[in-house]
Amino acid sequence: MYNTETWRITTMILLKKKRKAVRNVCLKRMEGLNKFTDNKLMERTNGKQIPAK
């Protein structure tokens, strides 16, 4: 097993990397969702775009 100090450091690094990756994925997914919902709104309102609230 690891001694606690190196274990703590590695977990910190991994968590930081993971968090960054997760944030990027979330941002991309949000962008995709926003584009998708915008398109649906455009379709529903016959090309008249509703301003986002």
N, C-alpha and C. Protein backbone atom coordinates (compact mmCIF):
# COMPACT_ATOMS: atom_id res chain seq x y z
N MET A 1 0.83 -1.21 0.00
CA MET A 1 0.00 0.00 0.00
C MET A 1 0.86 1.27 0.00
N TYR A 2 0.23 2.37 -0.36
CA TYR A 2 0.91 3.66 -0.34
C TYR A 2 1.09 4.12 1.10
N ASN A 3 2.08 4.98 1.32
CA ASN A 3 2.02 5.72 2.58
C ASN A 3 1.08 6.91 2.36
N THR A 4 0.50 7.41 3.41
CA THR A 4 -0.64 8.32 3.29
C THR A 4 -0.30 9.60 2.53
N GLU A 5 0.92 10.08 2.67
CA GLU A 5 1.28 11.37 2.07
C GLU A 5 1.23 11.30 0.54
N THR A 6 1.89 10.31 -0.06
CA THR A 6 1.87 10.19 -1.52
C THR A 6 0.45 9.90 -2.00
N TRP A 7 -0.26 9.08 -1.25
CA TRP A 7 -1.65 8.76 -1.60
C TRP A 7 -2.49 10.03 -1.67
N ARG A 8 -2.33 10.87 -0.65
CA ARG A 8 -3.10 12.12 -0.59
C ARG A 8 -2.76 12.99 -1.80
N ILE A 9 -1.47 13.10 -2.10
CA ILE A 9 -1.04 13.95 -3.22
C ILE A 9 -1.60 13.43 -4.54
N THR A 10 -1.49 12.12 -4.76
CA THR A 10 -1.97 11.55 -6.02
C THR A 10 -3.48 11.73 -6.15
N THR A 11 -4.21 11.51 -5.05
CA THR A 11 -5.66 11.68 -5.12
C THR A 11 -6.02 13.13 -5.42
N MET A 12 -5.30 14.06 -4.81
CA MET A 12 -5.53 15.48 -5.09
C MET A 12 -5.36 15.78 -6.57
N ILE A 13 -4.24 15.30 -7.13
CA ILE A 13 -3.95 15.55 -8.54
C ILE A 13 -5.04 14.93 -9.41
N LEU A 14 -5.37 13.68 -9.12
CA LEU A 14 -6.39 12.99 -9.90
C LEU A 14 -7.73 13.71 -9.81
N LEU A 15 -8.09 14.13 -8.60
CA LEU A 15 -9.36 14.83 -8.43
C LEU A 15 -9.38 16.13 -9.22
N LYS A 16 -8.26 16.86 -9.17
CA LYS A 16 -8.19 18.12 -9.92
C LYS A 16 -8.37 17.87 -11.41
N LYS A 17 -7.64 16.86 -11.93
CA LYS A 17 -7.76 16.54 -13.36
C LYS A 17 -9.18 16.13 -13.70
N LYS A 18 -9.72 15.26 -12.84
CA LYS A 18 -11.07 14.75 -13.07
C LYS A 18 -12.06 15.90 -13.09
N ARG A 19 -11.94 16.78 -12.10
CA ARG A 19 -12.88 17.90 -11.99
C ARG A 19 -12.83 18.75 -13.24
N LYS A 20 -11.61 19.01 -13.74
CA LYS A 20 -11.45 19.82 -14.94
C LYS A 20 -12.12 19.14 -16.13
N ALA A 21 -11.87 17.84 -16.27
CA ALA A 21 -12.47 17.08 -17.37
C ALA A 21 -13.99 17.10 -17.28
N VAL A 22 -14.49 16.88 -16.08
CA VAL A 22 -15.94 16.88 -15.87
C VAL A 22 -16.52 18.23 -16.22
N ARG A 23 -15.83 19.30 -15.81
CA ARG A 23 -16.32 20.64 -16.10
C ARG A 23 -16.39 20.85 -17.61
N ASN A 24 -15.35 20.43 -18.33
CA ASN A 24 -15.34 20.59 -19.78
C ASN A 24 -16.50 19.83 -20.42
N VAL A 25 -16.70 18.59 -19.98
CA VAL A 25 -17.80 17.78 -20.52
C VAL A 25 -19.13 18.46 -20.24
N CYS A 26 -19.30 18.95 -19.02
CA CYS A 26 -20.55 19.62 -18.65
C CYS A 26 -20.79 20.84 -19.52
N LEU A 27 -19.73 21.63 -19.73
CA LEU A 27 -19.86 22.83 -20.56
C LEU A 27 -20.25 22.46 -21.98
N LYS A 28 -19.58 21.45 -22.54
CA LYS A 28 -19.90 21.02 -23.90
C LYS A 28 -21.33 20.54 -23.98
N ARG A 29 -21.72 19.75 -22.97
CA ARG A 29 -23.08 19.21 -22.96
C ARG A 29 -24.10 20.34 -22.86
N MET A 30 -23.80 21.34 -22.01
CA MET A 30 -24.70 22.49 -21.87
C MET A 30 -24.83 23.22 -23.19
N GLU A 31 -23.70 23.46 -23.86
CA GLU A 31 -23.73 24.13 -25.16
C GLU A 31 -24.60 23.36 -26.13
N GLY A 32 -24.38 22.03 -26.18
CA GLY A 32 -25.16 21.18 -27.08
C GLY A 32 -26.64 21.26 -26.77
N LEU A 33 -26.98 21.20 -25.49
CA LEU A 33 -28.38 21.27 -25.07
C LEU A 33 -28.98 22.61 -25.45
N ASN A 34 -28.23 23.69 -25.22
CA ASN A 34 -28.73 25.02 -25.55
C ASN A 34 -29.00 25.13 -27.04
N LYS A 35 -28.06 24.64 -27.87
CA LYS A 35 -28.27 24.67 -29.32
C LYS A 35 -29.51 23.87 -29.68
N PHE A 36 -29.62 22.67 -29.08
CA PHE A 36 -30.75 21.78 -29.36
C PHE A 36 -32.07 22.46 -29.01
N THR A 37 -32.16 23.02 -27.80
CA THR A 37 -33.41 23.64 -27.36
C THR A 37 -33.71 24.89 -28.20
N ASP A 38 -32.68 25.64 -28.56
CA ASP A 38 -32.89 26.81 -29.42
C ASP A 38 -33.51 26.38 -30.74
N ASN A 39 -32.98 25.31 -31.34
CA ASN A 39 -33.53 24.82 -32.60
C ASN A 39 -34.98 24.41 -32.44
N LYS A 40 -35.28 23.71 -31.35
CA LYS A 40 -36.66 23.27 -31.10
C LYS A 40 -37.58 24.48 -30.96
N LEU A 41 -37.12 25.49 -30.22
CA LEU A 41 -37.93 26.71 -30.04
C LEU A 41 -38.15 27.38 -31.38
N MET A 42 -37.11 27.46 -32.19
CA MET A 42 -37.22 28.08 -33.51
C MET A 42 -38.27 27.34 -34.34
N GLU A 43 -38.21 26.01 -34.30
CA GLU A 43 -39.18 25.22 -35.06
C GLU A 43 -40.60 25.50 -34.56
N ARG A 44 -40.75 25.52 -33.25
CA ARG A 44 -42.08 25.63 -32.65
C ARG A 44 -42.70 26.99 -32.94
N THR A 45 -41.87 28.04 -33.01
CA THR A 45 -42.41 29.38 -33.20
C THR A 45 -42.31 29.84 -34.65
N ASN A 46 -42.16 28.88 -35.57
CA ASN A 46 -42.10 29.19 -37.00
C ASN A 46 -41.04 30.23 -37.33
N GLY A 47 -39.84 30.03 -36.75
CA GLY A 47 -38.72 30.90 -37.11
C GLY A 47 -38.62 32.16 -36.28
N LYS A 48 -39.63 32.46 -35.45
CA LYS A 48 -39.50 33.61 -34.56
C LYS A 48 -38.79 33.17 -33.30
N GLN A 49 -37.64 33.74 -33.02
CA GLN A 49 -36.85 33.29 -31.88
C GLN A 49 -37.35 33.95 -30.60
N ILE A 50 -37.60 33.14 -29.59
CA ILE A 50 -37.99 33.67 -28.28
C ILE A 50 -36.73 34.04 -27.53
N PRO A 51 -36.62 35.26 -27.02
CA PRO A 51 -35.45 35.61 -26.22
C PRO A 51 -35.40 34.79 -24.95
N ALA A 52 -34.21 34.28 -24.64
CA ALA A 52 -34.05 33.44 -23.45
C ALA A 52 -34.22 34.29 -22.20
N LYS A 53 -34.92 33.74 -21.22
CA LYS A 53 -35.15 34.48 -19.98
C LYS A 53 -34.03 34.21 -19.01
